[in-house]
Every structure is written in structure tokens, then in C-alpha cells.
Amino acid sequence: MTLKKYIIHANGSDPWSHLALEEFYLSKSADDIIYLLFYVNSPCVVIGKNQNPWGEVNLEYIKKQRIRLARRFSGGGAVFHDPGNLNYSIIFPRSLFNPEKQLEIIQKALSQWGIDTVQTRQHALFTDGKKISGNAFCLKKKTCCIHGTLLVSTDLNKLRESLVGNKSIFESKGVNSIPAEVTNLSLINSEITLASLKMSIQKAFSESFGIEETRLFTHCKSDKSLENDAMKFRAKQRSWEWRFGQTPFFKFFYQKGWQGREIKIYFYVNEGRIANAQVVSAGTVGHSIQDCLNKLLNGIPLRKEAVHEPLNQFKQSISGEHNQAIVGWIRDLCYE
């Protein structure tokens, strides 16, 4: 079977659009087509399909820094993207799926720059004990995708700050990320740039698949048919229901000091919605407060616009300064 290869350089820097583009090509791919897709995102955190954003991401920090949150359609752990990070995606027939072999393409490209790497069981790439690439997979009936990151000149301080999750989560069915020390490729070889690394990967890609015919093009908004189809996937990618509502069941508590007292708020959350809420503080929280809070918040998404009216009703129903403080703390838990 003759395979056709397409190399795509996606323009723009919107992470939701780029993830939508990946999903679009994965959905339309055929048995005789291989895509190599490159893109660069504005600062964002991308979590795996089965991860918990409250547990994996410093939501307060990324909100202040205007760092977007996205969720992949593949598994794996949380990663940080910015203009110093090169993202690649290889979409191809499932019959060719061999993650070790596909990652050898990236390893071969890096070896052109004198950088030797090793693969881990999680299919991350390390050099001299430090992580420089994370990868994930998505398998469909006839097609599959391997996509990953390459830290070229990423802001490592923002990366570290962004990937510190809520330590108060004490039970979660989501997939946990595996922390690792990271480094930039430009610190190992100062001549590496995003553009030069793309060329190295393209060369290794062509050699590995042994395909002579290559069509190279840049995805752009002028392609209306493609844009309209991809936008359907983008609508899902940017939705709260996908980024937060996809989260598996978890429990966590929020602890605050108030006028010498310690108040704890326990939340039981399923698919981003509050299943149960408990407020614990010696001598300050009665059953009426507990029952009122649970009645108003049960089934409500842990989202600012969703909790706004129930919390206003709680303030009107239950008096007391500490109850007003509880309302503020619950609102702080909501990313958007």
C-alpha cells in the first residue's frame, strides 16, 4: 500500500484550536494517509483526558497569569505549553502503531544535534536524567495519534508554578501526573530553535517512513471547509463541560482560618458538579447551615456563574460573618 504523507504547520497560537485541529485530522484520517502536524501555543496547561484540573493545576496561578487550560483527547499527564515549546502530532493508520518506533523519529531528530535521549515506560524522553519531552496516545478503530511536546526555550519557572495542583484532594479517580525534573534543549545546545528542530523532525520522519511524496502546507483560516469542521471540535475543547465536567469523581477539602477558628469545607465532586458539601468548624456550624448549603449546592457545577445565585440565597438565609466568609471561599475555588 502506498502511503501519502502530509506535513502541516498550523498557524496561530490558540491551544483549543490546535487540539481541535488534531482531533479533526484524526477523525478524517484514512488507511493510506500519515500526517505530521506542528504547532506552537500561547501559555497554557494541557491535562490528559482522564485527569483532574483541580488536582493537577495551580488554577489560581494560571488565572492570574492568564494561562489557558485545555484537556487533550488522549491520556497521560499534565504539561505546560508556551511559545518556547514545540508541539508535534503524528496521525497514521492504527496498523502501524508502535510507540517506541514512532518516538525513535524524535530521538533521531535530536541526535542530529548531539543530544542522546532515552524513553521511559510512560514514553517520555529524558536526556542526562532530565525530561525534555512528554508524549501521549489516542487509538481509534482504524487510526491513531501520538503527540508530544519538546521543551526548547520554555519558561521553566511558569511551568513549575502552573503544574502544582491542590494538595487538599485526598481521593481522586483521575490519572495522576508523574513529576520530573525538566530542562530546555536550548540549554544543552544553544543553536537549537523551534524552526531548526522542525526541519530535523521532518527529515527523520521522511527517512523513517520511507515515503517519497510529501505535501507541505500551512493550515490557515482561508480554508473555510476545514475551518468550519475543525471549529466543531474547538467548541468542545473550550467548553467548561469538557475541560472541567470531564473530571472523574474526587473529594477534597478547603481549609481557612477565620478569627482564630479553623474552618474546613469538604466537597464531593463528580463530573465537575458538587455532590455533597460539608462545613466543619468547632462550635460555629450548625445543622441548619449544613443542610442549607447542601440543599442549595447539590448538583451545581463548581463554576463561578453556577454557584453565584445559590450562594446569594445562602447569604440571605443564614446570617453570621463566618457564613459570609464561607461564601467567599467557595467562590475562590471556582476557576471560572
Foldseek 3Di string as FASTA:
>chain_A
DAAAEEEEEEDDADPLLVLLLVVLCLVPPDQRYKYKYKYAHAWAKEAEQAAACQFFWPLVVCLVVVHYYWYHPWGAGMFIGHRQKMKIKMKHWPVPDDLVLVVVLLQQLVVVVVFHWDQDPQRFTDGPQATFKGWTKDDDPTMIMIMMMGRAPDPVVCGVNTGHHDPQWDDFPGDYHDDGHHDHPCVVPVPDGNVSSVVSSVVSVCVSVVHDHYHYDYDDVVPPVSVVSSVVSSVLGRDCLSRHLSHAWTKGKDWDDDPNWIKIWIFTDGSQATQAIDIDTPPPDDPVLRVLLGVLRHRFGLALVRCVVSLVVSPVVDDDPVSVVVSVVSNVSHSD
